[in-house]
N, C-alpha and C. Protein backbone atom coordinates (compact mmCIF):
# COMPACT_ATOMS: atom_id res chain seq x y z
N UNK A 1 0.18 14.86 14.59
CA UNK A 1 0.66 13.74 15.77
C UNK A 1 1.40 12.76 15.26
N UNK A 2 2.27 11.96 15.44
CA UNK A 2 2.92 11.01 14.53
C UNK A 2 2.44 9.61 15.76
N UNK A 3 2.11 8.55 14.78
CA UNK A 3 1.34 7.62 15.67
C UNK A 3 1.99 6.30 15.25
N UNK A 4 2.05 5.30 15.81
CA UNK A 4 2.99 4.08 15.25
C UNK A 4 2.07 3.49 14.05
N UNK A 5 3.06 3.10 13.14
CA UNK A 5 2.37 2.61 11.93
C UNK A 5 1.55 1.77 12.19
N UNK A 6 0.22 1.36 11.48
CA UNK A 6 -0.58 0.46 11.51
C UNK A 6 -0.16 -0.35 10.24
N UNK A 7 -0.08 -1.35 10.99
CA UNK A 7 0.21 -2.94 9.79
C UNK A 7 -1.00 -3.75 9.52
N UNK A 8 -1.06 -4.18 8.05
CA UNK A 8 -2.00 -5.26 7.98
C UNK A 8 -1.24 -6.50 7.64
N UNK A 9 -1.65 -7.65 7.88
CA UNK A 9 -0.34 -8.80 7.18
C UNK A 9 -1.57 -9.21 5.92
N UNK A 10 -0.67 -10.39 5.08
CA UNK A 10 -1.09 -10.29 3.73
C UNK A 10 -2.13 -11.44 3.68
N UNK A 11 -2.62 -12.36 4.49
CA UNK A 11 -3.87 -12.74 4.40
C UNK A 11 -4.74 -11.93 4.86
N UNK A 12 -4.84 -11.16 5.62
CA UNK A 12 -6.30 -9.68 6.08
C UNK A 12 -6.51 -9.10 4.98
N UNK A 13 -5.19 -8.53 4.55
CA UNK A 13 -5.73 -7.77 3.01
C UNK A 13 -6.00 -8.09 2.18
N UNK A 14 -5.60 -9.71 1.46
CA UNK A 14 -6.37 -10.33 1.10
C UNK A 14 -7.90 -10.92 0.98
N UNK A 15 -8.14 -10.67 2.41
CA UNK A 15 -9.36 -11.06 2.80
C UNK A 15 -10.45 -9.75 2.43
N UNK A 16 -9.88 -8.63 2.86
CA UNK A 16 -10.71 -7.63 2.56
C UNK A 16 -10.46 -7.60 0.87
N UNK A 17 -9.90 -7.68 0.13
CA UNK A 17 -9.86 -7.20 -1.26
C UNK A 17 -11.01 -8.62 -1.99
N UNK A 18 -10.79 -9.66 -1.10
CA UNK A 18 -12.35 -10.89 -1.41
C UNK A 18 -13.87 -10.28 -0.71
N UNK A 19 -13.70 -9.75 0.37
CA UNK A 19 -14.93 -9.20 0.65
C UNK A 19 -15.91 -8.10 0.12
N UNK A 20 -14.78 -7.27 -0.13
CA UNK A 20 -14.34 -5.73 -0.51
C UNK A 20 -15.94 -5.08 0.55
N UNK A 21 -15.56 -5.34 1.84
CA UNK A 21 -16.41 -4.68 3.11
C UNK A 21 -16.45 -3.35 3.11
N UNK A 22 -15.08 -2.71 3.02
CA UNK A 22 -14.83 -1.48 2.92
C UNK A 22 -14.66 -0.82 1.98
N UNK A 23 -14.37 0.31 1.90
CA UNK A 23 -13.85 1.19 1.06
C UNK A 23 -12.09 1.62 1.61
N UNK A 24 -11.42 0.89 0.18
CA UNK A 24 -9.78 1.16 0.41
C UNK A 24 -9.07 1.13 -0.86
N UNK A 25 -7.98 1.67 -0.65
CA UNK A 25 -7.16 1.71 -2.00
C UNK A 25 -5.85 1.04 -1.54
N UNK A 26 -5.39 0.14 -2.35
CA UNK A 26 -4.34 -0.30 -1.92
C UNK A 26 -3.31 0.59 -3.06
N UNK A 27 -1.98 1.16 -2.80
CA UNK A 27 -0.79 2.19 -3.36
C UNK A 27 0.47 1.33 -3.47
N UNK A 28 0.89 1.03 -4.40
CA UNK A 28 2.62 0.10 -4.66
C UNK A 28 3.24 1.52 -4.92
N UNK A 29 4.69 1.57 -4.13
CA UNK A 29 5.44 2.57 -4.13
C UNK A 29 6.42 2.15 -4.42
N UNK A 30 6.66 1.27 -5.42
CA UNK A 30 7.53 0.33 -5.84
C UNK A 30 7.96 1.46 -6.89
N UNK A 31 9.44 1.12 -7.91
CA UNK A 31 9.38 1.93 -9.23
C UNK A 31 8.58 1.22 -9.94
N UNK A 32 8.24 1.74 -11.64
CA UNK A 32 7.73 0.99 -12.43
C UNK A 32 8.36 -0.34 -12.44
N UNK A 33 9.75 -0.09 -12.77
CA UNK A 33 10.12 -1.80 -12.98
C UNK A 33 9.99 -2.88 -12.01
N UNK A 34 10.02 -2.37 -11.18
CA UNK A 34 9.85 -3.75 -9.83
C UNK A 34 7.76 -3.82 -9.95
N UNK A 35 7.45 -2.96 -9.77
CA UNK A 35 5.83 -3.25 -10.46
C UNK A 35 5.52 -4.53 -11.59
N UNK A 36 6.40 -4.20 -12.57
CA UNK A 36 6.02 -4.98 -13.51
C UNK A 36 6.05 -6.39 -13.56
N UNK A 37 6.88 -6.79 -12.31
CA UNK A 37 7.12 -8.01 -11.86
C UNK A 37 5.63 -8.76 -11.51
N UNK A 38 4.65 -7.88 -10.89
CA UNK A 38 3.49 -8.41 -10.18
C UNK A 38 3.06 -7.21 -8.63
N UNK A 39 2.16 -7.25 -8.72
CA UNK A 39 1.55 -6.65 -7.43
C UNK A 39 0.88 -6.87 -6.68
N UNK A 40 0.12 -6.69 -5.74
CA UNK A 40 -0.92 -6.98 -5.21
C UNK A 40 -2.96 -6.53 -6.15
N UNK A 41 -3.46 -7.62 -6.38
CA UNK A 41 -4.62 -7.28 -7.02
C UNK A 41 -5.01 -6.18 -6.82
N UNK A 42 -5.66 -5.07 -7.57
CA UNK A 42 -6.09 -4.32 -7.88
C UNK A 42 -5.06 -2.68 -7.06
N UNK A 43 -4.04 -3.10 -7.24
CA UNK A 43 -3.10 -2.03 -6.48
C UNK A 43 -3.00 -1.02 -7.99
N UNK A 44 -2.44 0.17 -7.20
CA UNK A 44 -2.36 1.38 -7.89
C UNK A 44 -1.17 1.72 -8.39
N UNK A 45 -0.48 2.13 -9.37
CA UNK A 45 0.89 2.21 -8.98
C UNK A 45 1.19 3.69 -8.81
N UNK A 46 1.85 4.05 -7.39
CA UNK A 46 2.33 5.60 -6.82
C UNK A 46 3.86 5.57 -6.51
N UNK A 47 4.64 5.60 -7.18
CA UNK A 47 6.12 5.38 -6.52
C UNK A 47 6.62 6.40 -5.85
N UNK A 48 6.61 5.44 -4.83
CA UNK A 48 7.56 6.60 -3.23
C UNK A 48 7.55 8.23 -3.69
N UNK A 49 8.68 8.06 -4.64
CA UNK A 49 9.27 9.51 -4.70
C UNK A 49 8.24 10.61 -5.36
N UNK A 50 7.01 9.91 -5.79
CA UNK A 50 6.06 11.12 -6.23
C UNK A 50 4.95 11.24 -5.04
N UNK A 51 5.26 10.67 -4.41
CA UNK A 51 3.83 10.79 -3.00
C UNK A 51 3.77 12.37 -2.59
N UNK A 52 5.20 12.94 -2.29
CA UNK A 52 4.45 14.10 -1.56
C UNK A 52 4.18 15.38 -2.81
N UNK A 53 4.19 15.31 -4.21
CA UNK A 53 3.94 15.84 -5.13
C UNK A 53 2.06 15.62 -5.49
N UNK A 54 1.64 14.35 -4.71
CA UNK A 54 0.57 13.51 -5.34
C UNK A 54 -0.16 13.07 -4.15
N UNK A 55 -0.09 13.78 -3.25
CA UNK A 55 -0.81 13.83 -1.68
C UNK A 55 -2.09 14.13 -1.68
N UNK A 56 -2.59 15.14 -2.85
CA UNK A 56 -3.79 15.87 -3.31
C UNK A 56 -5.02 14.46 -4.12
N UNK A 57 -3.96 13.56 -4.06
CA UNK A 57 -4.71 12.65 -4.72
C UNK A 57 -5.58 11.30 -4.00
N UNK A 58 -5.27 11.75 -2.62
CA UNK A 58 -5.53 10.76 -1.45
C UNK A 58 -6.71 11.59 -0.22
N UNK A 59 -7.58 11.05 -0.43
CA UNK A 59 -8.57 11.78 0.61
C UNK A 59 -8.22 11.79 2.16
N UNK A 60 -8.07 12.51 2.85
CA UNK A 60 -7.52 12.33 4.27
C UNK A 60 -8.49 10.96 5.20
N UNK A 61 -9.60 11.09 4.74
CA UNK A 61 -10.59 10.27 5.36
C UNK A 61 -10.30 8.49 4.74
N UNK A 62 -9.78 8.57 3.68
CA UNK A 62 -9.93 7.12 2.73
C UNK A 62 -8.97 6.36 3.40
N UNK A 63 -9.39 5.06 3.48
CA UNK A 63 -8.33 3.89 4.43
C UNK A 63 -7.23 3.74 3.03
N UNK A 64 -5.68 3.93 2.84
CA UNK A 64 -4.86 3.32 2.42
C UNK A 64 -3.95 2.67 2.99
N UNK A 65 -3.90 1.50 1.64
CA UNK A 65 -2.53 0.42 2.23
C UNK A 65 -1.68 0.43 1.46
N UNK A 66 -0.36 0.40 1.57
CA UNK A 66 0.54 0.94 0.88
C UNK A 66 1.41 -0.36 1.28
N UNK A 67 2.19 -0.29 -0.43
CA UNK A 67 2.90 -1.54 -0.77
C UNK A 67 4.35 -1.60 -1.23
N UNK A 68 5.05 -2.27 -0.62
CA UNK A 68 6.92 -2.23 -1.66
C UNK A 68 7.05 -3.53 -1.68
N UNK A 69 8.54 -3.57 -1.75
CA UNK A 69 9.09 -5.05 -1.68
C UNK A 69 9.23 -5.97 -0.38
N UNK A 70 9.75 -5.42 0.49
CA UNK A 70 9.84 -5.68 1.89
C UNK A 70 8.99 -5.18 3.34
N UNK A 71 8.43 -4.06 2.54
CA UNK A 71 7.23 -3.45 3.65
C UNK A 71 8.38 -2.24 4.54
N UNK A 72 9.33 -1.70 4.14
CA UNK A 72 10.23 -0.31 4.78
C UNK A 72 9.83 0.85 4.00
N UNK A 73 9.83 0.69 2.63
CA UNK A 73 9.38 2.10 1.67
C UNK A 73 8.23 2.06 2.18
N UNK A 74 7.09 1.30 2.11
CA UNK A 74 5.89 1.66 2.34
C UNK A 74 5.62 2.06 3.28
N UNK A 75 6.49 1.51 4.57
CA UNK A 75 6.22 1.92 6.50
C UNK A 75 6.47 3.27 6.18
N UNK A 76 7.57 4.08 5.46
CA UNK A 76 8.15 5.19 5.36
C UNK A 76 6.79 6.10 4.69
N UNK A 77 6.13 5.66 3.60
CA UNK A 77 5.44 6.47 3.14
C UNK A 77 4.40 6.44 4.06
N UNK A 78 3.56 5.71 4.99
CA UNK A 78 2.87 5.61 6.00
C UNK A 78 3.41 6.59 6.70
N UNK A 79 4.24 6.76 7.81
CA UNK A 79 4.81 7.67 8.44
C UNK A 79 5.10 8.97 8.06
N UNK A 80 5.23 9.33 6.93
CA UNK A 80 5.58 10.56 6.43
C UNK A 80 3.98 11.14 5.94
N UNK A 81 2.95 10.54 5.64
CA UNK A 81 1.41 10.66 5.37
C UNK A 81 0.61 11.07 6.96
N UNK A 82 0.88 9.93 8.04
CA UNK A 82 0.55 10.16 9.46
C UNK A 82 1.25 11.94 9.86
N UNK A 83 2.43 12.40 9.20
CA UNK A 83 2.65 13.74 9.85
C UNK A 83 1.84 14.51 9.13
N UNK A 84 1.47 14.02 7.84
CA UNK A 84 0.65 15.07 7.13
C UNK A 84 -0.72 15.10 7.57
N UNK A 85 -1.17 14.23 8.30
CA UNK A 85 -2.29 14.01 9.09
C UNK A 85 -3.31 13.25 8.30
N UNK A 86 -2.78 12.34 7.85
CA UNK A 86 -3.88 11.40 7.16
C UNK A 86 -3.41 10.01 8.18
N UNK A 87 -4.84 9.39 8.88
CA UNK A 87 -5.33 8.64 10.21
C UNK A 87 -4.97 6.88 9.43
N UNK A 88 -5.92 6.76 8.34
CA UNK A 88 -6.49 5.28 7.88
C UNK A 88 -5.23 4.99 7.19
N UNK A 89 -3.70 5.03 7.34
CA UNK A 89 -2.88 4.24 6.60
C UNK A 89 -2.27 3.17 6.76
N UNK A 90 -1.97 1.90 5.87
CA UNK A 90 -1.96 0.40 6.52
C UNK A 90 -0.84 0.64 5.79
N UNK A 91 0.42 0.11 6.25
CA UNK A 91 1.74 -0.52 5.60
C UNK A 91 1.23 -2.47 5.66
N UNK A 92 1.72 -2.73 4.24
CA UNK A 92 1.20 -4.19 4.23
C UNK A 92 2.57 -4.67 4.91
N UNK A 93 2.71 -5.49 6.06
CA UNK A 93 3.94 -6.04 6.84
C UNK A 93 4.73 -7.24 5.81
N UNK A 94 5.70 -6.95 5.56
CA UNK A 94 6.58 -8.14 4.51
C UNK A 94 6.38 -7.48 3.28
N UNK A 95 5.88 -6.67 2.92
CA UNK A 95 5.49 -6.32 1.49
C UNK A 95 5.15 -7.30 0.65
N UNK A 96 5.96 -7.16 -0.79
CA UNK A 96 5.63 -8.29 -1.60
C UNK A 96 5.88 -9.74 -1.16
N UNK A 97 7.21 -9.42 -0.43
CA UNK A 97 7.66 -11.42 -0.66
C UNK A 97 6.87 -11.28 0.70
N UNK A 98 6.13 -11.19 1.50
CA UNK A 98 5.58 -11.36 2.45
C UNK A 98 4.00 -11.92 1.83
N UNK A 99 3.26 -10.78 0.80
CA UNK A 99 2.49 -11.40 -0.02
C UNK A 99 2.91 -13.18 -0.67
N UNK A 100 3.70 -12.88 -1.28
CA UNK A 100 4.31 -14.08 -2.03
C UNK A 100 4.21 -15.04 -1.24
N UNK A 101 5.05 -14.83 -0.03
CA UNK A 101 5.35 -15.71 1.01
C UNK A 101 3.97 -16.71 1.63
N UNK A 102 2.69 -16.32 1.26
CA UNK A 102 1.56 -16.49 1.83
C UNK A 102 0.84 -16.97 0.80
N UNK A 103 1.39 -17.32 -0.14
CA UNK A 103 1.13 -18.46 -1.52
C UNK A 103 0.01 -17.45 -2.43
N UNK A 104 0.13 -15.86 -2.51
CA UNK A 104 -0.81 -14.87 -2.89
C UNK A 104 -0.56 -14.57 -3.93
N UNK A 105 -1.31 -14.26 -5.04
CA UNK A 105 -1.33 -14.35 -6.45
C UNK A 105 -0.98 -12.55 -6.79
N UNK A 106 -0.02 -12.90 -7.60
CA UNK A 106 0.27 -11.29 -7.71
C UNK A 106 -0.63 -10.89 -9.65
N UNK A 107 -0.76 -9.47 -9.93
CA UNK A 107 -1.16 -9.50 -10.85
C UNK A 107 -0.48 -7.78 -11.40
N UNK A 108 -0.65 -7.63 -13.04
CA UNK A 108 0.02 -6.53 -13.47
C UNK A 108 -0.56 -5.20 -12.50
N UNK A 109 -0.23 -3.88 -12.11
CA UNK A 109 -0.92 -3.15 -11.62
C UNK A 109 -1.67 -2.27 -12.90
N UNK A 110 -2.68 -1.47 -11.65
CA UNK A 110 -3.53 -0.42 -12.39
C UNK A 110 -2.90 0.60 -12.49
N UNK A 111 -2.86 1.30 -13.88
CA UNK A 111 -2.41 2.58 -14.26
C UNK A 111 -3.01 3.53 -13.47
N UNK A 112 -2.14 4.90 -12.87
CA UNK A 112 -3.22 6.00 -12.07
C UNK A 112 -2.55 6.89 -13.01
């Protein structure tokens, strides 16, 4: 069943990363060229077009935060995964534009 997409604001995600109080993964769904300019710290690069083929890399019960440039593509990924039975998926509201607009630092992505 499709639910409304959960979103997380950039400052809240930065707090999650800082405190590491719960287990979660940050997945950047942009293309490699876009990601090369920087992403959320600890983000894994998994381009959007590869998500259907790589779904088995995501546990259904783990918390996943998806990132793109503006939040539109990552919202689509969240909707798709919700349709596949994933409940703990979050979209970074505003994407990397929101992250940078909050004054938060970008880093090079982790290879996956």
